[in-house]
Amino acid sequence: MTNLRDKADLFHSLHTRESRPLVLANAWDVASALLVEEAGAEAVATTSAGVAWSLGAPDGDRLDRDRALDLVARIAAAVRVPVTADIESGFGDTPEALAETVRGVIEAGAVGVNIEDTVRDGAAPALRPAGEQAARIAAARAAADAAGVPLYINARVDVYLRGSGEPEARLAETLERAAAYRDAGASGIFVIGAPDSGAIAALVKGVGLPLNVPCGPGAPPVGELAALGVARVSAGADLAAAAYGLARRAARELYQEGTYTALAGGVEFGDLNGLLARGEG
């Protein structure tokens, strides 16, 4: 499947299956993307943190747009399944800059984006005003429409993540933001930090779009999230962090103990080489 419109349509459809959420083990380079695809992924998502780390930058709108899009292009060229890119807050302060990023994402061969409503222009990350973020999402939608690609815009709402307002008011604020982003052209809503299954169920019912929640240690299993009506489950930076955790443990063991037990269970050299050779084809 090479047509971007076809891939975009397929990617949209993966969010609309009852009791079967789209599960994304986010990748950060070509090798991890190929391993994720080999494991059975129906789509490949990038993790902004993992991508930034792999390119020598911290997460949090610190990576240069061109470097991020170059990696998206290399991943999209290597895998067969649809690719969606985490573009943080859009690599630009204005709606026009975000639209330029979206055009670059599409040119790179991806059919989806994550756009967060955190802004990092002060002492600490904070929520961008909802109206301002809605205007940015509208600009992203207009850019995708002009390119002729039904881009999946996954609008991240960071009310819980940033601890905005009083805890009892966070659900209502999240739903208000979700409604504004939906009206601006978002395809789905991504919420990090919902406190319990009751809040997740309320979000599923209230956002009016497919709901994405993160998974990882301490989170409910995929089956439980599916029963709540969650449409998309993503690992975010956890897979990359686990890989770097192994690298740290193995290096410390080597230098401190002079042994190598942490290196057991790695991907066979020939297997990984073969995957990358296939990705070049």
Protein backbone atom coordinates (compact mmCIF):
# COMPACT_ATOMS: atom_id res chain seq x y z
CA MET A 1 0.00 0.00 0.00
CA THR A 2 1.77 3.13 -1.20
CA ASN A 3 -0.99 5.71 -1.60
CA LEU A 4 -1.01 8.10 1.37
CA ARG A 5 -4.76 8.58 1.19
CA ASP A 6 -5.26 4.82 1.42
CA LYS A 7 -2.91 4.61 4.39
CA ALA A 8 -4.65 7.54 6.06
CA ASP A 9 -8.07 5.95 5.55
CA LEU A 10 -6.78 2.67 6.97
CA PHE A 11 -5.28 4.47 9.96
CA HIS A 12 -8.58 6.21 10.68
CA SER A 13 -10.42 2.88 10.49
CA LEU A 14 -8.13 1.34 13.11
CA HIS A 15 -9.65 3.73 15.67
CA THR A 16 -13.27 2.73 15.08
CA ARG A 17 -13.35 -0.99 15.93
CA GLU A 18 -15.61 -1.84 18.85
CA SER A 19 -13.74 -3.47 21.75
CA ARG A 20 -10.50 -3.63 19.75
CA PRO A 21 -8.29 -0.62 20.34
CA LEU A 22 -5.33 0.26 18.18
CA VAL A 23 -2.24 -0.66 20.20
CA LEU A 24 0.94 1.33 19.56
CA ALA A 25 4.38 0.39 20.89
CA ASN A 26 6.03 3.67 19.94
CA ALA A 27 9.28 3.58 17.98
CA TRP A 28 12.21 5.98 18.02
CA ASP A 29 14.37 4.88 15.07
CA VAL A 30 14.18 2.67 12.00
CA ALA A 31 15.32 -0.48 13.79
CA SER A 32 12.75 -0.12 16.59
CA ALA A 33 10.03 0.63 14.03
CA LEU A 34 10.85 -2.54 12.11
CA LEU A 35 10.86 -4.60 15.31
CA VAL A 36 7.49 -3.15 16.31
CA GLU A 37 6.06 -3.92 12.87
CA GLU A 38 7.48 -7.45 12.98
CA ALA A 39 5.79 -7.98 16.36
CA GLY A 40 2.40 -7.43 14.70
CA ALA A 41 1.77 -3.69 14.85
CA GLU A 42 -1.01 -2.44 12.58
CA ALA A 43 0.61 1.01 12.57
CA VAL A 44 3.85 2.57 13.80
CA ALA A 45 3.85 5.66 16.03
CA THR A 46 6.92 7.65 16.93
CA THR A 47 7.65 8.82 20.44
CA SER A 48 8.87 12.40 20.63
CA ALA A 49 10.96 11.67 23.71
CA GLY A 50 12.57 8.57 22.23
CA VAL A 51 13.27 10.33 18.94
CA ALA A 52 14.82 13.30 20.73
CA TRP A 53 16.96 11.08 22.94
CA SER A 54 18.18 9.05 19.98
CA LEU A 55 19.22 12.27 18.23
CA GLY A 56 21.00 13.69 21.26
CA ALA A 57 18.38 16.16 22.48
CA PRO A 58 16.11 16.28 25.55
CA ASP A 59 12.38 15.93 25.11
CA GLY A 60 10.15 18.98 25.34
CA ASP A 61 10.17 20.98 22.10
CA ARG A 62 13.99 21.00 22.08
CA LEU A 63 14.53 19.02 18.87
CA ASP A 64 14.91 20.76 15.53
CA ARG A 65 11.95 20.24 13.17
CA ASP A 66 14.07 19.14 10.21
CA ARG A 67 15.86 16.45 12.20
CA ALA A 68 12.57 15.12 13.57
CA LEU A 69 10.95 15.01 10.13
CA ASP A 70 14.01 13.34 8.62
CA LEU A 71 13.58 10.48 11.07
CA VAL A 72 9.85 10.26 10.34
CA ALA A 73 10.67 9.98 6.63
CA ARG A 74 13.18 7.19 7.21
CA ILE A 75 10.72 5.24 9.35
CA ALA A 76 7.87 5.70 6.87
CA ALA A 77 10.10 4.50 4.03
CA ALA A 78 11.14 1.40 5.97
CA VAL A 79 7.80 0.01 7.20
CA ARG A 80 4.73 -1.12 5.30
CA VAL A 81 2.08 -0.04 7.82
CA PRO A 82 0.78 3.51 8.37
CA VAL A 83 3.01 5.85 10.39
CA THR A 84 1.91 8.56 12.79
CA ALA A 85 4.35 11.15 14.15
CA ASP A 86 4.50 12.73 17.59
CA ILE A 87 5.31 16.36 16.77
CA GLU A 88 5.09 17.63 20.37
CA SER A 89 3.50 21.10 20.19
CA GLY A 90 4.25 21.44 16.49
CA PHE A 91 7.83 22.78 16.19
CA GLY A 92 6.62 26.36 15.90
CA ASP A 93 4.92 29.08 17.95
CA THR A 94 2.32 30.13 15.37
CA PRO A 95 -0.48 28.32 13.56
CA GLU A 96 1.40 28.98 10.32
CA ALA A 97 4.51 27.27 11.68
CA LEU A 98 2.44 24.29 12.79
CA ALA A 99 0.88 24.10 9.33
CA GLU A 100 4.37 24.02 7.84
CA THR A 101 5.26 21.13 10.14
CA VAL A 102 2.14 19.25 9.05
CA ARG A 103 3.07 19.70 5.41
CA GLY A 104 6.48 18.29 6.24
CA VAL A 105 4.97 15.31 8.05
CA ILE A 106 2.86 14.46 5.01
CA GLU A 107 5.82 14.88 2.67
CA ALA A 108 7.74 12.51 4.95
CA GLY A 109 5.08 9.85 4.38
CA ALA A 110 3.21 9.86 7.70
CA VAL A 111 -0.58 9.95 7.92
CA GLY A 112 -1.10 11.02 11.52
CA VAL A 113 0.23 13.43 14.13
CA ASN A 114 0.05 13.97 17.86
CA ILE A 115 -0.22 17.64 18.83
CA GLU A 116 -0.08 18.55 22.51
CA ASP A 117 -1.54 21.62 24.19
CA THR A 118 1.41 22.18 26.49
CA VAL A 119 3.49 25.27 25.81
CA ARG A 120 7.07 25.63 27.06
CA ASP A 121 7.88 29.33 26.75
CA GLY A 122 8.07 30.05 30.47
CA ALA A 123 9.74 28.77 33.60
CA ALA A 124 7.65 25.60 33.59
CA PRO A 125 5.42 23.81 31.06
CA ALA A 126 1.87 25.17 31.08
CA LEU A 127 -1.36 24.70 29.18
CA ARG A 128 -1.81 26.77 26.06
CA PRO A 129 -5.11 28.71 26.05
CA ALA A 130 -7.79 26.47 24.57
CA GLY A 131 -8.83 28.95 21.88
CA GLU A 132 -5.24 29.40 20.77
CA GLN A 133 -4.73 25.64 20.59
CA ALA A 134 -7.97 25.22 18.62
CA ALA A 135 -6.68 27.74 16.07
CA ARG A 136 -3.49 25.72 15.74
CA ILE A 137 -5.41 22.51 15.18
CA ALA A 138 -7.57 24.24 12.57
CA ALA A 139 -4.39 25.35 10.76
CA ALA A 140 -3.06 21.80 10.85
CA ARG A 141 -6.34 20.49 9.44
CA ALA A 142 -6.36 23.09 6.67
CA ALA A 143 -2.78 22.21 5.70
CA ALA A 144 -3.62 18.52 5.51
CA ASP A 145 -6.77 19.15 3.52
CA ALA A 146 -4.83 21.31 1.06
CA ALA A 147 -2.38 18.43 0.63
CA GLY A 148 -5.26 16.05 -0.12
CA VAL A 149 -4.50 13.72 2.80
CA PRO A 150 -7.06 12.99 5.56
CA LEU A 151 -4.44 13.32 8.28
CA TYR A 152 -5.35 11.80 11.64
CA ILE A 153 -4.87 14.60 14.16
CA ASN A 154 -4.59 13.20 17.67
CA ALA A 155 -5.08 16.22 19.93
CA ARG A 156 -3.41 15.76 23.30
CA VAL A 157 -5.15 17.39 26.27
CA ASP A 158 -2.72 17.89 29.15
CA VAL A 159 -5.07 19.07 31.91
CA TYR A 160 -4.38 16.03 34.11
CA LEU A 161 -0.71 15.85 33.14
CA ARG A 162 -0.09 19.48 34.12
CA GLY A 163 -2.32 19.36 37.22
CA SER A 164 -4.44 22.24 35.98
CA GLY A 165 -6.91 23.65 38.49
CA GLU A 166 -8.58 21.67 41.24
CA PRO A 167 -8.67 17.88 40.81
CA GLU A 168 -12.47 17.76 40.81
CA ALA A 169 -12.62 20.24 37.90
CA ARG A 170 -10.13 18.51 35.62
CA LEU A 171 -12.58 16.21 33.89
CA ALA A 172 -14.82 19.12 32.91
CA GLU A 173 -11.87 21.17 31.66
CA THR A 174 -10.58 18.22 29.66
CA LEU A 175 -13.98 17.73 28.04
CA GLU A 176 -14.26 21.46 27.24
CA ARG A 177 -10.88 21.42 25.56
CA ALA A 178 -11.70 18.21 23.72
CA ALA A 179 -14.87 19.78 22.33
CA ALA A 180 -12.95 22.83 21.11
CA TYR A 181 -10.31 20.69 19.46
CA ARG A 182 -12.94 18.43 17.90
CA ASP A 183 -14.71 21.43 16.40
CA ALA A 184 -11.36 22.69 15.05
CA GLY A 185 -10.74 19.47 13.15
CA ALA A 186 -9.15 16.97 15.52
CA SER A 187 -9.68 13.29 14.70
CA GLY A 188 -9.06 11.90 18.18
CA ILE A 189 -8.28 12.98 21.73
CA PHE A 190 -5.27 11.85 23.77
CA VAL A 191 -5.39 12.22 27.55
CA ILE A 192 -2.47 11.44 29.87
CA GLY A 193 -3.00 11.07 33.59
CA ALA A 194 -6.69 10.24 33.95
CA PRO A 195 -6.80 9.09 37.58
CA ASP A 196 -8.92 5.96 37.36
CA SER A 197 -11.19 3.80 35.21
CA GLY A 198 -14.19 5.96 36.10
CA ALA A 199 -12.51 9.03 34.63
CA ILE A 200 -11.47 7.08 31.53
CA ALA A 201 -15.06 5.86 31.04
CA ALA A 202 -16.35 9.42 31.41
CA LEU A 203 -13.81 10.62 28.84
CA VAL A 204 -14.82 7.89 26.39
CA LYS A 205 -18.42 8.98 26.74
CA GLY A 206 -17.76 12.71 26.70
CA VAL A 207 -15.05 13.53 24.16
CA GLY A 208 -17.10 12.62 21.10
CA LEU A 209 -14.01 11.26 19.30
CA PRO A 210 -11.82 8.15 19.62
CA LEU A 211 -9.97 8.31 22.95
CA ASN A 212 -6.26 7.52 23.26
CA VAL A 213 -4.74 6.74 26.67
CA PRO A 214 -1.20 5.68 27.56
CA CYS A 215 -0.21 2.24 28.74
CA GLY A 216 2.76 1.04 30.73
CA PRO A 217 3.67 -0.18 34.21
CA GLY A 218 0.77 0.38 36.57
CA ALA A 219 -1.80 0.98 33.83
CA PRO A 220 -4.75 -1.36 33.28
CA PRO A 221 -4.18 -4.13 30.71
CA VAL A 222 -5.28 -3.48 27.13
CA GLY A 223 -8.31 -5.74 27.62
CA GLU A 224 -9.61 -3.61 30.49
CA LEU A 225 -9.11 -0.41 28.52
CA ALA A 226 -10.93 -1.97 25.57
CA ALA A 227 -13.87 -2.81 27.83
CA LEU A 228 -14.01 0.86 28.87
CA GLY A 229 -14.30 1.88 25.22
CA VAL A 230 -10.77 3.22 24.69
CA ALA A 231 -9.96 3.36 20.97
CA ARG A 232 -6.18 3.70 21.09
CA VAL A 233 -3.53 2.61 23.58
CA SER A 234 0.06 3.81 23.25
CA ALA A 235 3.29 3.09 25.11
CA GLY A 236 4.79 6.54 24.51
CA ALA A 237 8.41 6.75 25.61
CA ASP A 238 8.31 3.62 27.76
CA LEU A 239 9.72 1.23 25.15
CA ALA A 240 12.65 3.55 24.43
CA ALA A 241 13.22 4.11 28.15
CA ALA A 242 13.25 0.35 28.72
CA ALA A 243 15.83 -0.09 25.96
CA TYR A 244 18.02 2.64 27.44
CA GLY A 245 17.50 1.09 30.87
CA LEU A 246 18.94 -2.16 29.55
CA ALA A 247 21.88 -0.26 28.05
CA ARG A 248 22.56 1.37 31.44
CA ARG A 249 22.32 -1.92 33.36
CA ALA A 250 24.55 -3.76 30.89
CA ALA A 251 27.16 -1.00 30.84
CA ARG A 252 27.26 -0.76 34.64
CA GLU A 253 27.56 -4.51 34.96
CA LEU A 254 30.40 -4.57 32.45
CA TYR A 255 32.38 -1.78 34.12
CA GLN A 256 31.58 -2.58 37.75
CA GLU A 257 31.42 -6.38 37.76
CA GLY A 258 33.22 -7.36 34.59
CA THR A 259 30.32 -9.67 33.65
CA TYR A 260 27.76 -9.68 30.86
CA THR A 261 24.53 -11.30 32.06
CA ALA A 262 22.41 -8.26 31.17
CA LEU A 263 23.35 -8.75 27.52
CA ALA A 264 21.49 -12.06 27.31
CA GLY A 265 18.29 -12.09 25.27
CA GLY A 266 19.28 -9.49 22.71
CA VAL A 267 17.99 -9.58 19.16
CA GLU A 268 20.10 -11.93 17.07
CA PHE A 269 22.56 -10.05 14.85
CA GLY A 270 21.30 -11.74 11.70
CA ASP A 271 17.66 -11.09 12.54
CA LEU A 272 18.15 -7.37 13.06
CA ASN A 273 20.42 -7.07 10.05
CA GLY A 274 17.83 -8.89 7.96
CA LEU A 275 15.03 -6.58 9.10
CA LEU A 276 17.04 -3.51 8.19
CA ALA A 277 17.96 -4.99 4.81
CA ARG A 278 14.27 -5.58 4.16
CA GLY A 279 13.50 -2.03 5.24
CA GLU A 280 15.88 -0.75 2.57
CA GLY A 281 14.00 -2.63 -0.16
